[in-house]
Protein backbone atom coordinates (compact mmCIF):
# COMPACT_ATOMS: atom_id res chain seq x y z
CA MET A 1 45.51 -51.29 -7.97
CA GLN A 2 41.91 -50.18 -9.20
CA ARG A 3 41.24 -46.47 -7.71
CA PRO A 4 37.76 -46.26 -6.77
CA GLU A 5 35.13 -44.21 -8.39
CA LYS A 6 34.04 -41.17 -7.56
CA ARG A 7 30.71 -40.88 -6.12
CA ILE A 8 28.67 -38.38 -7.67
CA MET A 9 25.73 -36.99 -6.08
CA SER A 10 22.50 -36.08 -7.92
CA PRO A 11 20.89 -33.79 -8.46
CA ILE A 12 17.52 -34.24 -6.39
CA THR A 13 20.32 -35.14 -3.98
CA VAL A 14 22.08 -32.03 -3.72
CA ILE A 15 18.28 -29.94 -4.12
CA TYR A 16 17.68 -31.78 -1.07
CA ILE A 17 20.60 -30.68 0.94
CA ILE A 18 19.98 -26.91 -0.10
CA ASN A 19 16.36 -27.58 0.96
CA ILE A 20 17.58 -28.60 4.16
CA PHE A 21 19.88 -25.46 4.99
CA VAL A 22 17.35 -23.44 3.49
CA SER A 23 15.27 -24.62 6.22
CA ILE A 24 17.45 -24.12 8.67
CA PHE A 25 17.66 -20.82 8.07
CA ILE A 26 13.97 -19.81 7.81
CA ILE A 27 13.37 -21.44 11.17
CA PHE A 28 16.55 -20.10 12.93
CA ALA A 29 17.13 -16.91 11.19
CA GLU A 30 14.37 -15.26 9.18
CA ARG A 31 11.93 -15.54 12.55
CA LYS A 32 8.71 -15.31 10.26
CA ARG A 33 5.45 -16.07 11.61
CA PRO A 34 5.25 -19.55 12.64
CA SER A 35 2.28 -20.18 10.12
CA ALA A 36 4.76 -18.81 7.76
CA THR A 37 7.52 -21.30 8.82
CA ILE A 38 5.28 -23.90 8.39
CA ALA A 39 4.02 -23.07 5.00
CA TRP A 40 8.47 -22.59 3.39
CA VAL A 41 9.03 -25.89 4.68
CA MET A 42 6.13 -27.52 3.68
CA LEU A 43 6.47 -25.89 0.02
CA LEU A 44 10.48 -26.27 0.02
CA PHE A 45 10.06 -30.40 0.52
CA VAL A 46 6.39 -30.91 -1.58
CA LEU A 47 7.89 -28.84 -4.97
CA PRO A 48 11.60 -29.38 -4.13
CA GLY A 49 13.86 -26.67 -6.64
CA ILE A 50 10.68 -24.63 -7.59
CA GLY A 51 10.71 -24.18 -3.69
CA ILE A 52 13.77 -22.86 -3.32
CA VAL A 53 13.59 -20.36 -6.51
CA LEU A 54 9.74 -19.22 -4.56
CA TYR A 55 11.77 -18.62 -1.92
CA ILE A 56 14.74 -16.38 -3.62
CA MET A 57 12.56 -14.51 -5.02
CA GLY A 58 9.91 -13.94 -1.71
CA SER A 59 12.87 -13.76 0.92
CA GLN A 60 14.53 -10.50 2.93
CA LEU A 61 18.41 -12.12 2.35
CA LEU A 62 19.16 -10.46 -0.45
CA ALA A 63 17.10 -6.73 0.05
CA ARG A 64 18.16 -6.88 4.04
CA TYR A 65 21.59 -4.89 3.78
CA ARG A 66 20.09 -2.18 1.18
CA LEU A 67 17.28 -1.82 3.65
CA SER A 68 19.44 -0.30 6.43
CA SER A 69 20.35 2.92 4.81
CA LEU A 70 16.08 3.80 4.65
CA SER A 71 15.34 2.44 8.03
CA SER A 72 18.24 4.82 9.92
CA SER A 73 15.95 8.23 7.84
CA LEU A 74 12.22 6.11 8.71
CA HIS A 75 11.29 8.14 12.04
CA PHE A 76 11.53 10.78 13.40
CA ARG A 77 11.07 10.75 17.00
CA ASP A 78 13.05 13.39 17.87
CA ASN A 79 11.47 15.85 15.47
CA PRO A 80 10.74 19.27 17.65
CA PHE A 81 7.49 19.56 16.30
CA LEU A 82 6.15 15.97 16.87
CA VAL A 83 7.73 16.37 20.10
CA ASP A 84 5.56 19.81 21.18
CA GLN A 85 2.53 18.43 19.71
CA LYS A 86 2.78 15.34 21.16
CA ARG A 87 3.51 17.49 24.88
CA SER A 88 0.59 19.69 24.20
CA ILE A 89 -1.63 17.31 23.70
CA ASN A 90 -0.40 15.14 26.65
CA GLU A 91 -1.01 18.51 28.54
CA GLY A 92 -4.60 18.70 27.02
CA SER A 93 -3.64 22.32 25.91
CA PHE A 94 -3.74 21.44 22.22
CA HIS A 95 -6.55 23.25 20.49
CA PHE A 96 -8.18 20.38 17.68
CA VAL A 97 -9.53 22.19 15.06
CA ASN A 98 -12.76 20.20 14.71
CA THR A 99 -14.90 17.42 17.48
CA GLN A 100 -13.49 14.46 15.19
CA ALA A 101 -9.90 15.60 15.63
CA ALA A 102 -10.71 15.47 19.21
CA SER A 103 -12.61 12.75 19.96
CA TRP A 104 -10.42 10.30 17.99
CA ARG A 105 -7.16 11.61 19.67
CA GLN A 106 -5.93 8.35 20.86
CA LEU A 107 -5.44 6.87 17.45
CA ILE A 108 -3.75 10.56 16.87
CA LYS A 109 -1.19 9.59 19.89
CA PHE A 110 -1.22 6.43 18.67
CA ASN A 111 0.25 6.81 15.41
CA GLN A 112 2.37 9.99 16.52
CA GLU A 113 4.12 7.36 18.95
CA TYR A 114 4.66 4.42 16.92
CA ALA A 115 4.85 5.92 13.32
CA SER A 116 5.87 9.35 13.99
CA SER A 117 3.36 10.93 12.42
CA TYR A 118 2.53 14.55 12.71
CA LEU A 119 -1.15 15.65 12.72
CA THR A 120 -1.94 18.48 10.50
CA GLN A 121 -5.35 20.64 10.64
CA ASN A 122 -4.71 22.48 7.89
CA ASN A 123 -5.88 20.84 5.08
CA GLU A 124 -8.10 20.57 1.87
CA VAL A 125 -9.15 17.56 0.60
CA LYS A 126 -10.69 16.40 -2.57
CA VAL A 127 -11.63 12.93 -3.45
CA PHE A 128 -11.27 10.87 -6.99
CA THR A 129 -13.24 7.84 -7.46
CA SER A 130 -12.82 7.83 -11.12
CA GLY A 131 -9.35 7.22 -12.92
CA GLN A 132 -10.03 9.41 -15.93
CA GLU A 133 -11.45 12.33 -13.49
CA CYS A 134 -8.34 12.14 -11.52
CA PHE A 135 -5.66 11.86 -13.85
CA ASP A 136 -7.61 15.11 -15.98
CA SER A 137 -6.77 16.72 -12.86
CA MET A 138 -3.60 15.83 -12.62
CA TYR A 139 -2.74 16.87 -15.99
CA GLU A 140 -3.82 20.23 -15.23
CA ASP A 141 -1.83 20.77 -12.07
CA LEU A 142 0.99 19.30 -13.35
CA ARG A 143 0.95 21.71 -16.36
CA ALA A 144 0.47 24.04 -14.24
CA ALA A 145 3.64 23.40 -12.03
CA LYS A 146 6.03 26.54 -11.60
CA THR A 147 8.78 24.98 -9.72
CA SER A 148 9.24 20.87 -8.76
CA ILE A 149 7.40 17.95 -9.65
CA ASN A 150 8.21 14.63 -6.83
CA MET A 151 6.75 12.11 -8.40
CA GLU A 152 6.68 8.22 -7.06
CA PHE A 153 4.37 5.50 -8.89
CA PHE A 154 4.46 1.60 -8.29
CA ILE A 155 2.87 0.74 -12.18
CA MET A 156 3.79 2.79 -14.65
CA LYS A 157 2.89 1.57 -18.27
CA PRO A 158 4.03 2.93 -21.55
CA ASP A 159 0.04 3.55 -22.80
CA TYR A 160 -1.42 6.27 -23.52
CA ILE A 161 -1.68 7.31 -19.71
CA GLY A 162 2.23 6.75 -18.70
CA LEU A 163 3.67 8.33 -22.22
CA GLU A 164 1.10 11.55 -21.40
CA ILE A 165 2.28 11.66 -18.27
CA ILE A 166 5.92 11.45 -19.14
CA LYS A 167 5.63 14.01 -22.03
CA ILE A 168 3.81 16.62 -19.43
CA LEU A 169 6.72 15.95 -17.27
CA THR A 170 9.68 16.77 -20.22
CA GLU A 171 7.29 19.90 -21.58
CA LYS A 172 7.51 21.17 -17.63
CA ALA A 173 11.51 20.05 -17.04
CA LYS A 174 12.11 22.15 -20.28
CA GLU A 175 10.76 24.48 -18.79
CA GLY A 176 12.87 25.07 -15.87
CA VAL A 177 11.24 22.93 -13.53
CA LYS A 178 12.79 20.57 -11.32
CA ILE A 179 11.53 16.89 -11.99
CA ARG A 180 11.95 13.48 -10.13
CA LEU A 181 10.24 10.68 -10.74
CA LEU A 182 10.97 7.42 -8.93
CA LEU A 183 9.31 4.10 -10.52
CA ASP A 184 9.57 0.66 -8.91
CA ALA A 185 11.75 -1.30 -10.50
CA MET A 186 9.76 -4.82 -10.54
CA GLY A 187 6.12 -2.46 -11.48
CA CYS A 188 6.95 -0.63 -14.01
CA ARG A 189 9.44 -3.37 -15.49
CA ARG A 190 7.87 -2.52 -19.13
CA MET A 191 9.61 1.14 -19.52
CA ARG A 192 12.64 1.03 -21.17
CA LYS A 193 15.48 3.75 -21.15
CA LYS A 194 14.16 4.93 -24.46
CA HIS A 195 10.75 6.22 -22.69
CA PHE A 196 12.86 8.44 -20.36
CA GLU A 197 15.53 9.66 -23.23
CA GLU A 198 13.84 13.08 -24.14
CA LEU A 199 12.91 13.25 -20.42
CA ARG A 200 16.59 13.06 -19.05
CA ARG A 201 17.51 15.25 -21.93
CA ALA A 202 15.50 18.10 -20.80
CA GLY A 203 16.70 17.45 -17.43
CA GLY A 204 14.55 15.70 -15.68
CA GLN A 205 15.37 12.86 -13.11
CA VAL A 206 14.42 9.01 -13.45
CA ALA A 207 15.02 6.45 -10.34
CA PHE A 208 13.88 3.01 -10.29
CA PHE A 209 13.17 1.48 -6.84
CA PHE A 210 15.05 -1.92 -5.85
CA PRO A 211 16.22 -2.33 -9.36
CA ALA A 212 17.76 -5.59 -10.52
CA ARG A 213 21.10 -6.53 -10.04
CA ILE A 214 22.01 -9.61 -12.01
CA PHE A 215 21.35 -9.82 -15.46
CA LYS A 216 18.76 -7.30 -15.30
CA LEU A 217 16.94 -10.23 -14.10
CA ASP A 218 14.49 -8.81 -10.88
CA LEU A 219 13.79 -11.85 -8.73
CA LYS A 220 12.29 -9.71 -5.88
CA LEU A 221 8.72 -10.03 -5.80
CA ASN A 222 8.33 -8.86 -1.87
CA TYR A 223 9.58 -5.54 -1.16
CA ARG A 224 8.48 -3.37 -3.16
CA ASN A 225 7.46 0.22 -3.52
CA HIS A 226 3.90 0.14 -3.89
CA ARG A 227 3.54 3.95 -2.86
CA LYS A 228 2.24 5.76 -5.23
CA LEU A 229 2.77 9.94 -4.36
CA LEU A 230 2.58 13.22 -6.39
CA VAL A 231 3.83 16.22 -5.05
CA ILE A 232 3.79 19.67 -7.18
CA ASP A 233 5.36 22.77 -6.15
CA ASN A 234 5.16 21.75 -2.49
CA GLU A 235 1.22 22.62 -2.67
CA ILE A 236 -0.93 20.31 -4.02
CA ALA A 237 -0.32 16.32 -3.59
CA TYR A 238 -2.01 13.55 -4.70
CA ILE A 239 -2.37 9.89 -3.01
CA GLY A 240 -4.07 6.95 -3.37
CA GLY A 241 -4.76 3.67 -5.23
CA LEU A 242 -4.00 4.99 -8.69
CA ASN A 243 -1.07 4.08 -10.86
CA ALA A 244 0.02 5.53 -14.06
CA ALA A 245 -1.39 2.80 -16.66
CA LYS A 246 -4.44 2.68 -19.02
CA GLU A 247 -6.39 0.23 -16.72
CA TYR A 248 -6.26 2.74 -14.37
CA VAL A 249 -9.20 4.50 -16.28
CA GLY A 250 -11.25 1.10 -16.97
CA ASP A 251 -9.63 0.37 -20.13
CA SER A 252 -8.77 -2.79 -19.95
CA LYS A 253 -9.33 -6.33 -21.83
CA LYS A 254 -9.18 -8.32 -18.52
CA PHE A 255 -11.38 -6.03 -16.03
CA LYS A 256 -14.28 -4.18 -17.64
CA GLY A 257 -14.08 -1.34 -15.55
CA TRP A 258 -12.14 0.07 -12.41
CA ARG A 259 -13.05 1.26 -9.41
CA ASP A 260 -10.40 2.89 -7.19
CA THR A 261 -10.46 5.76 -4.54
CA HIS A 262 -7.08 8.65 -5.09
CA LEU A 263 -6.91 11.99 -3.00
CA ARG A 264 -5.93 15.42 -4.01
CA ILE A 265 -4.79 17.30 -0.95
CA ARG A 266 -3.57 20.99 -0.04
CA GLY A 267 -2.28 22.17 3.04
CA GLY A 268 -0.33 20.89 5.78
CA SER A 269 0.10 17.05 5.17
CA VAL A 270 1.40 18.30 1.74
CA PHE A 271 5.30 18.56 3.03
CA ASP A 272 4.49 15.03 4.91
CA ILE A 273 3.78 13.45 1.38
CA ASP A 274 6.91 14.90 0.14
CA SER A 275 9.04 13.76 3.36
CA ARG A 276 7.93 10.12 2.41
CA PHE A 277 9.13 10.64 -1.14
CA ILE A 278 12.28 12.41 -0.55
CA MET A 279 13.40 9.51 2.05
CA ASP A 280 12.44 7.13 -1.22
CA TRP A 281 13.98 9.35 -3.54
CA ASN A 282 17.14 9.13 -1.40
CA PHE A 283 17.31 5.45 -0.71
CA ALA A 284 17.01 4.99 -4.34
CA ASN A 285 19.84 7.38 -5.43
CA GLY A 286 22.23 7.27 -2.69
CA GLN A 287 21.60 10.80 -2.12
CA GLU A 288 21.07 13.52 1.00
CA ILE A 289 18.31 15.69 0.09
CA GLU A 290 17.00 17.30 3.03
CA LEU A 291 13.50 19.66 3.21
CA ASN A 292 12.98 23.18 4.46
CA PRO A 293 9.16 23.12 6.34
CA ALA A 294 9.07 26.72 5.05
CA ASP A 295 9.47 26.55 1.52
CA TYR A 296 5.85 25.19 1.98
CA PRO A 297 3.09 27.55 2.48
CA VAL A 298 0.82 27.90 5.18
CA TYR A 299 -3.15 27.86 5.28
CA THR A 300 -5.04 29.16 8.22
CA SER A 301 -8.65 29.03 6.49
CA LEU A 302 -8.28 25.43 6.10
CA ASP A 303 -9.69 22.57 8.61
CA CYS A 304 -9.61 19.14 7.57
CA ALA A 305 -7.03 17.17 10.32
CA LEU A 306 -4.84 14.67 8.42
CA GLN A 307 -1.94 12.46 9.64
CA VAL A 308 0.28 10.44 6.79
CA VAL A 309 1.45 7.07 8.03
CA SER A 310 3.89 5.28 5.82
CA SER A 311 5.21 1.55 6.70
CA GLY A 312 7.32 -0.69 5.16
CA PRO A 313 9.99 -3.76 5.81
CA GLU A 314 12.76 -1.84 6.40
CA SER A 315 10.92 -1.15 9.91
CA ALA A 316 10.21 -3.42 12.69
CA GLU A 317 6.95 -1.97 13.27
CA THR A 318 3.57 -2.79 11.16
CA GLU A 319 2.42 1.04 11.79
CA ILE A 320 -0.42 1.03 8.67
CA LYS A 321 -1.74 -2.50 10.27
CA PHE A 322 -1.83 -1.31 13.91
CA ALA A 323 -3.31 1.96 12.57
CA TYR A 324 -6.01 -0.50 10.77
CA LEU A 325 -6.58 -2.53 14.24
CA LYS A 326 -6.39 0.77 16.09
CA LEU A 327 -9.60 2.74 13.71
CA ILE A 328 -11.48 -1.07 14.02
CA ASN A 329 -11.82 -1.21 17.50
CA SER A 330 -12.30 2.06 18.27
CA ALA A 331 -15.21 1.60 15.89
CA LYS A 332 -18.71 2.27 17.90
CA ARG A 333 -20.81 2.28 15.53
CA SER A 334 -20.12 1.83 12.29
CA ILE A 335 -17.20 0.18 9.92
CA CYS A 336 -16.61 0.23 6.13
CA ILE A 337 -13.95 -1.14 4.29
CA GLN A 338 -13.06 -1.19 0.31
CA SER A 339 -10.14 -3.33 -0.66
CA PRO A 340 -9.18 -5.78 -3.09
CA TYR A 341 -7.47 -8.21 -1.08
CA LEU A 342 -8.92 -9.74 2.32
CA VAL A 343 -6.01 -11.45 3.87
CA PRO A 344 -5.08 -9.95 6.97
CA ASP A 345 -3.13 -11.75 10.29
CA GLU A 346 -5.39 -12.90 12.66
CA SER A 347 -5.61 -9.50 14.94
CA ILE A 348 -7.62 -7.94 12.00
CA PHE A 349 -9.75 -10.78 11.39
CA GLU A 350 -10.36 -11.08 15.25
CA ALA A 351 -11.36 -7.56 15.39
CA LEU A 352 -13.59 -7.63 12.88
CA LYS A 353 -15.23 -10.29 14.16
CA THR A 354 -15.49 -8.75 17.34
CA ALA A 355 -16.91 -5.47 15.98
CA ALA A 356 -19.75 -7.36 14.24
CA LEU A 357 -20.69 -9.26 16.92
CA SER A 358 -20.90 -6.22 19.46
CA GLY A 359 -23.71 -5.12 17.15
CA LEU A 360 -21.88 -2.46 14.71
CA ASP A 361 -22.36 -2.21 11.09
CA VAL A 362 -19.65 -3.85 9.18
CA LYS A 363 -19.71 -3.86 5.75
CA ILE A 364 -16.80 -5.18 3.71
CA MET A 365 -16.24 -4.47 -0.40
CA VAL A 366 -14.00 -7.07 -2.56
CA PRO A 367 -13.57 -7.22 -6.19
CA PRO A 368 -15.64 -9.61 -8.42
CA MET A 369 -12.86 -11.35 -9.82
CA PRO A 370 -9.14 -12.07 -9.34
CA ASP A 371 -6.06 -10.35 -10.85
CA HIS A 372 -4.08 -12.93 -8.01
CA PRO A 373 -5.87 -16.30 -8.13
CA PHE A 374 -4.95 -17.29 -4.71
CA VAL A 375 -4.88 -14.63 -3.00
CA TYR A 376 -8.29 -14.54 -4.49
CA TRP A 377 -9.94 -17.38 -3.05
CA VAL A 378 -8.34 -16.57 0.25
CA THR A 379 -10.15 -13.50 0.11
CA TYR A 380 -13.65 -15.14 -0.84
CA GLN A 381 -13.26 -17.71 2.30
CA ASN A 382 -12.20 -15.12 4.82
CA LEU A 383 -15.53 -13.24 3.54
CA GLY A 384 -17.09 -16.52 3.80
CA THR A 385 -16.55 -16.81 7.73
CA LEU A 386 -16.77 -13.04 8.50
CA ILE A 387 -20.29 -13.35 7.20
CA ASP A 388 -21.09 -16.00 9.65
CA TYR A 389 -20.18 -13.51 12.40
CA GLY A 390 -22.79 -11.23 11.47
CA VAL A 391 -20.42 -8.42 8.79
CA LYS A 392 -21.93 -7.33 5.79
CA ALA A 393 -19.93 -8.92 2.49
CA TYR A 394 -20.75 -6.84 -0.63
CA ILE A 395 -19.15 -8.71 -4.64
CA TYR A 396 -18.46 -5.34 -6.65
CA GLU A 397 -19.68 -6.11 -10.10
CA LYS A 398 -19.10 -3.34 -12.18
CA GLY A 399 -15.08 -4.17 -12.80
CA PHE A 400 -12.34 -4.10 -10.58
CA LEU A 401 -12.70 -2.47 -7.39
CA HIS A 402 -8.63 -1.76 -6.07
CA SER A 403 -9.67 1.11 -4.04
CA LYS A 404 -8.34 0.81 -0.04
CA THR A 405 -10.26 2.48 2.01
CA ILE A 406 -11.82 2.53 5.19
CA VAL A 407 -14.18 4.64 6.93
CA VAL A 408 -15.60 4.54 11.15
CA ASP A 409 -18.15 6.41 12.36
CA ASP A 410 -18.65 8.98 9.59
CA GLU A 411 -15.77 10.27 11.29
CA ALA A 412 -12.37 8.79 10.51
CA ALA A 413 -10.97 7.47 8.01
CA SER A 414 -8.00 6.11 6.02
CA VAL A 415 -7.24 6.56 2.02
CA GLY A 416 -3.85 5.25 0.35
CA SER A 417 -2.44 2.23 -1.15
CA ALA A 418 -2.27 -0.30 1.62
CA ASN A 419 -4.10 -3.19 0.96
CA PHE A 420 -5.63 -5.54 3.79
CA ASP A 421 -3.31 -8.38 3.27
CA ILE A 422 -0.53 -9.57 4.93
CA ARG A 423 1.54 -8.09 1.95
CA SER A 424 0.85 -4.29 2.48
CA PHE A 425 1.10 -5.15 5.98
CA GLU A 426 4.40 -7.09 6.31
CA LEU A 427 6.49 -7.14 2.50
CA ASN A 428 5.80 -3.89 0.47
CA PHE A 429 6.39 -0.48 1.24
CA GLU A 430 2.89 1.66 1.68
CA CYS A 431 1.85 5.23 2.07
CA ASN A 432 -1.80 6.09 4.21
CA VAL A 433 -3.50 9.61 4.46
CA PHE A 434 -5.68 8.74 8.01
CA ALA A 435 -8.51 11.76 8.11
CA TYR A 436 -10.49 13.16 10.99
CA ASP A 437 -13.31 15.13 9.16
CA ARG A 438 -16.89 14.38 8.73
CA GLU A 439 -17.21 15.96 5.56
CA LEU A 440 -15.09 13.71 4.31
CA ALA A 441 -15.74 10.38 5.68
CA ILE A 442 -19.27 11.05 4.72
CA THR A 443 -18.05 11.54 1.51
CA LEU A 444 -16.20 8.53 1.85
CA ARG A 445 -19.02 6.57 2.83
CA LYS A 446 -21.42 7.51 0.29
CA ALA A 447 -18.69 6.91 -2.43
CA PHE A 448 -19.22 3.19 -0.90
CA GLU A 449 -23.21 3.37 -0.40
CA GLU A 450 -23.30 4.58 -4.42
CA ASP A 451 -20.60 1.02 -4.83
CA ILE A 452 -24.06 -0.80 -3.17
CA LYS A 453 -25.68 -0.16 -5.94
CA ASN A 454 -23.55 -1.95 -8.40
CA SER A 455 -22.91 -5.11 -5.65
CA ARG A 456 -24.35 -7.88 -4.36
CA ARG A 457 -24.46 -9.43 -0.99
CA LEU A 458 -22.54 -12.49 -0.32
CA THR A 459 -25.21 -14.18 2.21
CA PRO A 460 -24.33 -17.27 4.12
CA GLU A 461 -26.71 -19.31 2.38
CA MET A 462 -25.32 -18.07 -1.11
CA TYR A 463 -22.09 -19.03 0.12
CA ALA A 464 -22.55 -22.09 1.51
CA ARG A 465 -24.16 -23.25 -2.23
CA ARG A 466 -20.69 -22.54 -3.80
CA SER A 467 -19.01 -25.38 -5.38
CA ARG A 468 -17.06 -28.47 -4.73
CA TRP A 469 -14.05 -27.18 -7.15
CA ILE A 470 -14.11 -23.50 -5.22
CA LYS A 471 -13.98 -24.73 -1.79
CA ILE A 472 -11.14 -26.84 -3.11
CA LYS A 473 -9.46 -23.73 -4.34
CA GLU A 474 -10.18 -21.85 -0.98
CA SER A 475 -8.21 -24.87 0.84
CA VAL A 476 -5.49 -24.82 -1.53
CA SER A 477 -4.76 -21.37 -1.75
CA ARG A 478 -5.47 -21.03 2.56
CA LEU A 479 -2.24 -23.37 2.42
CA ILE A 480 0.07 -20.85 1.15
CA SER A 481 -1.57 -17.97 1.89
CA ASP A 482 0.99 -16.92 4.85
CA ILE A 483 3.78 -16.96 1.49
CA LEU A 484 1.31 -15.29 -0.98
C-alpha cells in the first residue's frame, strides 16, 4: 500500500498564516490607535513578507521587556522638593521670579503633575542658531572641564565634528576628568570600536543605547534615543537639536546649509538635565548611579525660569506632546513653530486650527526638502490643510531646517529634540526645555522672523497649483503616516 504524500505548505501560505497571527496580535495586544492598527493590517496583506519585516523593525515587542527598568526610574512624584514646590504654588505662597512664570503657572503645574518636572528659576540661557558657533562654544567648554563630562547624542559620525569631540574627550580623560559618552546604537551605527579605543584606554566610558543583539544587525527603527544632552562639571548644560556630525554645521552634499537651535544653560536646570542623562546611562549600562543636588552650584543672581520635560515609550504618558498642546491652547496672541516634520496627531492639529480661527497669529516653518520623503509629503499636505484655516506657512530655503522650537506670546517657549510628529511624541526618547522668560522668548521669535527672510510663504493659491504627482505622493504618504 502506497503511503500518501505529505503536502508541504508553500512559502506564500506560510507568510499569510504569519500575517494572520501578527494581525491578531496588533489588534488585540498592541492597542495602537485605530488608524495605526488599520494601516499595519493593510500593509501586512498588501506587502506580505515585507510587511512582517517592517513590523518587526517598528514593533515594541522586542523592546518592551527592556524598557521596564527605565520606566521604573522615570518619574519622581515623591521627590520632596517637587512636592513642596507644588504645595506652595497651590497655596499661592510661591514666589515667581518674573511675570511670565507667574502668568504661565497652569502650564508649570501641568508639567509638575504630568511630567514630574521641577521648576528652576535661577538659570542663564544662551541661544545658538548656528551649528558652527554652538560647536565652537561646546569645544571651549569641553576643553575647560575640570571634573566631569556627561554627553549624549542620537547621531555621531566619524567625520571632523565627531572625531574632534572624541579627541577632546580623550584629552580630558587623560587629565583625570570623568567621561561618560552615551550614543544611540542605530543613530551612531557608522562609529566603530577603533574610534573609541584611545578614549577607553584613557579611562573614558562609552555606552550604546539599545544596541543590536542579533549578529550586530539592528532591526529597531523605533524606540531610539533622540536626545542631545551635554553636562560639564555640573555647571553647564547643552540641549537642543544638534547632533555630532558635519551636516549640522552645513557641510553636506544633500543639504546646502543647516538651520538648528541649541541652548547653553547655567543654573538650576543643569541638575535636571544631568538627571535625565544619568537615567539613560544607568539603563544602558545596568548601573545605579545617583546624583547629589548638593554637588551642583546654586546661582542667586540668575532669573530665567525653566522646566526640563522628557518623554519616551517607557512611559504610558506623552509628556512633551501634552505640554506642546497646553502651550498652543493657552496662547492669547501668537504661536511660532519650527519643525522639520509636521505629522502630529489630531489633538495638536485641531488645536492649531482652533488657534488660527480664533484670530491668533499662527506661523509654522518647515524645510524645503525631505530627509524622509514620506514624512515630508505628509508635512506638506498638513500645511496645505492648515493654511485654509488661517495658519501662515513658510518653507525655509537656506538649507535644511532642523530646529524644534515653539514660541508663544513672547512669553513662553520650548526648545529641544522633539519634532512635531507622532514618532517624537510616542516612539522615541526626547528631552525639551520649557522656558518662561520674555527675553528668551523674544530672542527665539526674532530668530524665527530672521528665518522668514530666507523663506517663501505657502499660500492657498500656491498649494492649489501643486502638480498631480505631488498630490499622488501626498495621498500615498497619508495612508502610511501612522506607521512612519
